[in-house]
Amino acid sequence: MGTKTAAILLTVCLLLSACTANKPESAATGNNQTSAASDTSNGSQTVPKDHNSAGKTTAQHDKSVVDNSKSENSATVAATNKTYHLDKAYNVVPNQEGVEKKVILLTFDDGPKEAAMINKIIDTLDKHKAKAIFFVNGYRVKEHPELLKLIHDRGQPIGNHSWDHIVLKNKSEAEVKKQIETVQKIVKDITGQAPVFFRPPHGAGGDVGRKVAKENGLLYMTWSVGSLDWTMKKSQPNKTDALLKNVTEQLHPGSNILMHELPWTAEALDSLLTRLEQKGYRFVDPQSIEVPAD
């Protein structure tokens, strides 16, 4: 009887030990499944994948917050760095004392025309660490959108010069809106950014042109110094000297210089910018000029 009793007791102990050993594992599994269900609603088999996805989502969210913060900060900096404005004569004027007055705004009208000429102009601008507004016509952009993209991709600001390069001051408001707003759309469609500067063809926009420009967040401007490059002929000798003379004779602090995408202008540009630098001028970044949207 003693041997049988011992055997029975040993069996009971082994069974109790087995039950006790299995109990925590079942509880732990149950807890994991509950936790996974509350996070993923897909059960324990999807925990590794969904856990990683949740981690990526969180990281992406954090990155998005940082990126958005950077964008907002950049926008704030851009908005607060508007150190110049245009006066009634379209000269560049400092917003406050202590800001450099001896500056020049460079502009090129009537493009985009040819890749080689555009690259030559921008190569020269880059050499002198200068920016210029390229005022484009819509019909030219439609014909060669890749040229507009070239200007944009090379970091130069793009301005609105109307669709057809017609005199706007005697046109109806509907026609002026069409001439201006179609350019706004095509430039934004191609580059992702709508222009913020508007120059009416022939410097004649009239009150309606000013009104429509303002409604579209555009800074209306003509110019204060004309290079007269548009009056020159291909066969004319000494065009570089003539262009330099035309500009330097009119030169003054805040000069808003009108030039065009023309072969002789591209050829004379390095000499012109060198001459202006020698006279103590620097080239204003168009992004530092106040526009109505600010």
Protein backbone atom coordinates (compact mmCIF):
# COMPACT_ATOMS: atom_id res chain seq x y z
CA MET A 1 0.00 0.00 0.00
CA GLY A 2 2.87 2.38 0.74
CA THR A 3 4.32 1.95 -2.73
CA LYS A 4 0.96 2.52 -4.47
CA THR A 5 0.24 5.58 -2.38
CA ALA A 6 3.63 7.06 -3.26
CA ALA A 7 3.03 6.39 -6.96
CA ILE A 8 -0.38 8.09 -6.85
CA LEU A 9 1.05 11.12 -5.03
CA LEU A 10 3.90 11.37 -7.57
CA THR A 11 1.43 11.31 -10.47
CA VAL A 12 -0.70 14.01 -8.88
CA CYS A 13 2.36 16.21 -8.33
CA LEU A 14 3.47 15.83 -11.94
CA LEU A 15 0.00 16.80 -13.20
CA LEU A 16 -0.13 19.83 -10.92
CA SER A 17 3.34 20.91 -12.08
CA ALA A 18 2.33 20.67 -15.72
CA CYS A 19 -0.80 22.76 -15.17
CA THR A 20 1.13 25.38 -13.25
CA ALA A 21 3.84 25.60 -15.95
CA ASN A 22 1.29 26.09 -18.79
CA LYS A 23 -0.80 28.74 -17.11
CA PRO A 24 1.52 31.83 -17.52
CA GLU A 25 2.21 31.07 -21.22
CA SER A 26 -1.51 31.01 -21.99
CA ALA A 27 -2.02 34.24 -20.10
CA ALA A 28 0.89 35.90 -21.85
CA THR A 29 -0.39 34.84 -25.28
CA GLY A 30 -3.81 36.13 -24.45
CA ASN A 31 -2.37 39.51 -23.41
CA ASN A 32 -0.37 39.82 -26.62
CA GLN A 33 -3.39 39.10 -28.76
CA THR A 34 -5.47 41.65 -26.89
CA SER A 35 -2.78 44.29 -27.27
CA ALA A 36 -2.32 43.55 -30.98
CA ALA A 37 -6.07 43.65 -31.53
CA SER A 38 -6.35 47.05 -29.89
CA ASP A 39 -3.51 48.39 -32.09
CA THR A 40 -4.22 46.63 -35.38
CA SER A 41 -7.58 44.81 -35.21
CA ASN A 42 -5.96 41.94 -37.14
CA GLY A 43 -4.91 39.34 -34.55
CA SER A 44 -1.53 38.04 -33.42
CA GLN A 45 -0.22 36.88 -36.83
CA THR A 46 -0.16 40.45 -38.16
CA VAL A 47 1.55 41.97 -35.14
CA PRO A 48 5.12 42.09 -36.57
CA LYS A 49 4.03 43.60 -39.91
CA ASP A 50 1.53 46.02 -38.42
CA HIS A 51 3.85 47.00 -35.63
CA ASN A 52 6.49 47.94 -38.19
CA SER A 53 3.88 49.80 -40.22
CA ALA A 54 2.77 51.68 -37.15
CA GLY A 55 6.38 52.60 -36.46
CA LYS A 56 6.82 53.84 -40.04
CA THR A 57 3.58 55.78 -39.85
CA THR A 58 4.71 57.47 -36.66
CA ALA A 59 8.10 58.25 -38.16
CA GLN A 60 6.49 59.58 -41.32
CA HIS A 61 4.13 61.70 -39.25
CA ASP A 62 7.04 63.08 -37.23
CA LYS A 63 8.98 63.78 -40.43
CA SER A 64 5.92 65.44 -41.94
CA VAL A 65 5.60 67.67 -38.90
CA VAL A 66 9.27 68.63 -39.17
CA ASP A 67 8.99 69.22 -42.92
CA ASN A 68 5.85 71.30 -42.48
CA SER A 69 7.54 73.26 -39.74
CA LYS A 70 10.51 73.89 -42.01
CA SER A 71 8.21 75.01 -44.81
CA GLU A 72 6.31 77.33 -42.50
CA ASN A 73 9.55 78.72 -41.15
CA SER A 74 10.90 79.24 -44.65
CA ALA A 75 7.71 81.03 -45.63
CA THR A 76 7.96 83.20 -42.54
CA VAL A 77 11.58 84.04 -43.28
CA ALA A 78 10.72 84.83 -46.90
CA ALA A 79 7.87 87.07 -45.79
CA THR A 80 9.98 88.92 -43.23
CA ASN A 81 12.94 89.39 -45.58
CA LYS A 82 11.16 91.81 -47.90
CA THR A 83 13.69 94.59 -47.56
CA TYR A 84 12.75 96.61 -50.67
CA HIS A 85 9.73 98.00 -52.48
CA LEU A 86 9.15 99.80 -55.78
CA ASP A 87 8.38 103.50 -55.73
CA LYS A 88 6.03 105.27 -58.16
CA ALA A 89 8.83 105.54 -60.72
CA TYR A 90 9.45 101.78 -60.39
CA ASN A 91 12.81 102.20 -58.69
CA VAL A 92 13.92 99.75 -56.01
CA VAL A 93 13.84 101.50 -52.64
CA PRO A 94 14.89 100.19 -49.17
CA ASN A 95 12.12 99.71 -46.65
CA GLN A 96 14.20 101.14 -43.81
CA GLU A 97 17.42 102.93 -42.97
CA GLY A 98 20.58 100.87 -43.05
CA VAL A 99 19.56 98.77 -46.06
CA GLU A 100 21.83 99.10 -49.10
CA LYS A 101 20.51 101.77 -51.49
CA LYS A 102 22.96 101.30 -54.33
CA VAL A 103 21.19 98.36 -55.90
CA ILE A 104 19.96 97.39 -59.35
CA LEU A 105 17.07 95.21 -60.52
CA LEU A 106 17.81 93.26 -63.70
CA THR A 107 14.94 92.23 -65.99
CA PHE A 108 14.59 90.51 -69.38
CA ASP A 109 11.41 90.73 -71.48
CA ASP A 110 9.76 88.94 -74.40
CA GLY A 111 10.88 85.36 -73.82
CA PRO A 112 11.38 82.55 -73.67
CA LYS A 113 13.08 82.36 -77.06
CA GLU A 114 16.14 80.12 -77.42
CA ALA A 115 17.83 77.69 -75.04
CA ALA A 116 21.36 78.73 -76.04
CA MET A 117 20.63 82.40 -75.44
CA ILE A 118 18.84 81.74 -72.15
CA ASN A 119 21.73 79.62 -70.91
CA LYS A 120 24.26 82.26 -71.92
CA ILE A 121 22.34 84.95 -70.03
CA ILE A 122 21.91 82.81 -66.92
CA ASP A 123 25.55 81.65 -67.03
CA THR A 124 26.55 85.32 -66.85
CA LEU A 125 24.07 86.02 -64.06
CA ASP A 126 25.45 83.06 -62.10
CA LYS A 127 29.00 84.32 -62.63
CA HIS A 128 28.03 87.62 -61.01
CA LYS A 129 25.80 85.95 -58.37
CA ALA A 130 22.83 87.88 -59.75
CA LYS A 131 19.14 87.18 -60.18
CA ALA A 132 16.88 88.70 -62.83
CA ILE A 133 13.16 88.61 -63.57
CA PHE A 134 12.39 86.91 -66.88
CA PHE A 135 9.10 88.43 -68.08
CA VAL A 136 7.55 85.87 -70.43
CA ASN A 137 4.77 85.92 -73.01
CA GLY A 138 2.17 83.19 -72.88
CA TYR A 139 2.19 82.37 -76.57
CA ARG A 140 5.94 81.76 -76.43
CA VAL A 141 5.56 79.56 -73.34
CA LYS A 142 2.89 77.52 -75.11
CA GLU A 143 5.23 76.98 -78.08
CA HIS A 144 8.24 76.06 -75.93
CA PRO A 145 7.30 75.07 -72.37
CA GLU A 146 10.71 73.45 -71.96
CA LEU A 147 12.35 76.88 -72.19
CA LEU A 148 10.22 78.20 -69.35
CA LYS A 149 11.18 75.17 -67.30
CA LEU A 150 14.82 75.82 -68.12
CA ILE A 151 14.62 79.33 -66.65
CA HIS A 152 12.81 78.05 -63.58
CA ASP A 153 15.12 75.08 -63.04
CA ARG A 154 18.14 77.37 -63.19
CA GLY A 155 16.74 79.38 -60.30
CA GLN A 156 15.66 82.60 -62.00
CA PRO A 157 12.32 84.31 -61.17
CA ILE A 158 9.63 84.38 -63.86
CA GLY A 159 7.36 87.36 -64.48
CA ASN A 160 4.10 87.80 -66.39
CA HIS A 161 4.34 89.84 -69.62
CA SER A 162 0.82 89.05 -70.94
CA TRP A 163 -0.17 86.38 -73.41
CA ASP A 164 0.11 88.11 -76.79
CA HIS A 165 2.34 91.13 -76.05
CA ILE A 166 -0.39 93.59 -77.01
CA VAL A 167 -1.09 97.08 -75.65
CA LEU A 168 -3.51 96.53 -72.78
CA LYS A 169 -4.47 100.04 -71.70
CA ASN A 170 -7.33 100.36 -74.22
CA LYS A 171 -8.64 96.80 -73.87
CA SER A 172 -11.72 95.69 -71.95
CA GLU A 173 -11.34 94.31 -68.46
CA ALA A 174 -12.34 90.86 -69.73
CA GLU A 175 -9.60 90.93 -72.37
CA VAL A 176 -6.99 92.17 -69.89
CA LYS A 177 -7.95 89.43 -67.43
CA LYS A 178 -7.55 86.86 -70.18
CA GLN A 179 -4.16 88.23 -71.21
CA ILE A 180 -2.85 88.17 -67.64
CA GLU A 181 -4.57 85.20 -66.04
CA THR A 182 -3.85 82.72 -68.83
CA VAL A 183 -0.15 83.41 -68.32
CA GLN A 184 -0.54 82.92 -64.56
CA LYS A 185 -2.09 79.52 -65.21
CA ILE A 186 0.35 78.20 -67.80
CA VAL A 187 3.39 79.25 -65.78
CA LYS A 188 2.02 77.60 -62.64
CA ASP A 189 1.08 74.45 -64.55
CA ILE A 190 4.64 74.11 -65.86
CA THR A 191 6.72 75.30 -62.91
CA GLY A 192 4.39 74.85 -59.94
CA GLN A 193 4.62 78.56 -59.12
CA ALA A 194 2.55 81.46 -60.44
CA PRO A 195 4.41 84.73 -61.17
CA VAL A 196 4.31 87.56 -58.63
CA PHE A 197 5.60 90.28 -61.00
CA PHE A 198 3.75 91.80 -63.96
CA ARG A 199 5.11 94.07 -66.66
CA PRO A 200 2.63 95.30 -69.30
CA PRO A 201 3.86 95.13 -72.90
CA HIS A 202 5.16 98.47 -74.14
CA GLY A 203 4.87 99.73 -70.55
CA ALA A 204 1.18 100.45 -71.16
CA GLY A 205 -1.19 98.60 -68.85
CA GLY A 206 -3.54 101.39 -67.86
CA ASP A 207 -5.76 101.44 -64.80
CA VAL A 208 -7.41 98.16 -65.77
CA GLY A 209 -4.03 96.47 -66.09
CA ARG A 210 -3.07 97.65 -62.62
CA LYS A 211 -6.40 96.48 -61.21
CA VAL A 212 -6.23 93.00 -62.71
CA ALA A 213 -2.58 92.63 -61.74
CA LYS A 214 -3.40 93.47 -58.12
CA GLU A 215 -6.35 91.06 -58.09
CA ASN A 216 -3.94 88.31 -59.09
CA GLY A 217 -1.37 89.19 -56.42
CA LEU A 218 1.01 90.67 -58.99
CA LEU A 219 3.34 93.61 -58.50
CA TYR A 220 2.79 95.94 -61.46
CA MET A 221 5.92 97.54 -62.87
CA THR A 222 7.40 99.07 -65.97
CA TRP A 223 11.08 100.16 -65.71
CA SER A 224 13.24 103.14 -64.79
CA VAL A 225 16.26 102.50 -67.04
CA GLY A 226 15.92 101.27 -70.61
CA SER A 227 18.87 99.56 -72.28
CA LEU A 228 17.34 100.37 -75.68
CA ASP A 229 18.53 96.96 -76.88
CA TRP A 230 15.18 96.53 -78.68
CA THR A 231 15.99 99.47 -80.96
CA MET A 232 19.19 97.89 -82.22
CA LYS A 233 19.54 95.98 -85.47
CA LYS A 234 21.49 92.81 -86.07
CA SER A 235 23.74 94.61 -88.57
CA GLN A 236 24.42 97.56 -86.25
CA PRO A 237 28.09 97.79 -85.24
CA ASN A 238 29.32 98.27 -81.65
CA LYS A 239 26.06 97.19 -80.05
CA THR A 240 27.81 96.26 -76.80
CA ASP A 241 29.27 99.75 -76.44
CA ALA A 242 25.90 101.30 -77.26
CA LEU A 243 24.12 99.19 -74.65
CA LEU A 244 26.70 100.02 -71.98
CA LYS A 245 26.39 103.72 -72.78
CA ASN A 246 22.58 103.64 -72.72
CA VAL A 247 22.48 102.04 -69.28
CA THR A 248 25.33 103.88 -67.56
CA GLU A 249 24.11 107.30 -68.67
CA GLN A 250 20.76 106.70 -66.91
CA LEU A 251 22.14 104.77 -63.96
CA HIS A 252 21.08 105.67 -60.42
CA PRO A 253 20.51 103.84 -57.11
CA GLY A 254 17.49 101.55 -57.40
CA SER A 255 17.61 101.35 -61.20
CA ASN A 256 15.09 98.90 -62.67
CA ILE A 257 16.84 97.96 -65.92
CA LEU A 258 14.84 96.77 -68.93
CA MET A 259 16.59 94.35 -71.26
CA HIS A 260 15.41 91.66 -73.67
CA GLU A 261 16.27 88.14 -74.68
CA LEU A 262 18.36 89.30 -77.63
CA PRO A 263 21.69 87.92 -78.91
CA TRP A 264 23.57 91.22 -78.51
CA THR A 265 22.21 91.70 -75.01
CA ALA A 266 23.39 88.24 -74.02
CA GLU A 267 26.77 89.08 -75.55
CA ALA A 268 27.08 92.43 -73.73
CA LEU A 269 25.77 91.26 -70.35
CA ASP A 270 29.07 90.24 -68.76
CA SER A 271 30.67 93.57 -69.63
CA LEU A 272 27.61 95.44 -68.36
CA LEU A 273 27.45 93.65 -65.00
CA THR A 274 31.19 94.05 -64.53
CA ARG A 275 30.89 97.77 -65.22
CA LEU A 276 28.01 98.12 -62.74
CA GLU A 277 29.95 96.28 -60.04
CA GLN A 278 32.95 98.52 -60.63
CA LYS A 279 30.66 101.48 -59.97
CA GLY A 280 29.78 100.01 -56.58
CA TYR A 281 26.35 98.60 -57.39
CA ARG A 282 25.01 95.23 -56.34
CA PHE A 283 22.16 93.24 -57.84
CA VAL A 284 18.99 92.97 -55.81
CA ASP A 285 17.28 89.60 -55.47
CA PRO A 286 13.70 90.04 -56.77
CA GLN A 287 12.48 87.87 -53.90
CA SER A 288 13.43 90.65 -51.48
CA ILE A 289 10.93 93.05 -53.11
CA GLU A 290 7.46 93.45 -51.62
CA VAL A 291 4.55 92.23 -53.75
CA PRO A 292 0.79 92.62 -53.13
CA ALA A 293 0.44 89.05 -51.90
CA ASP A 294 2.74 89.88 -48.97
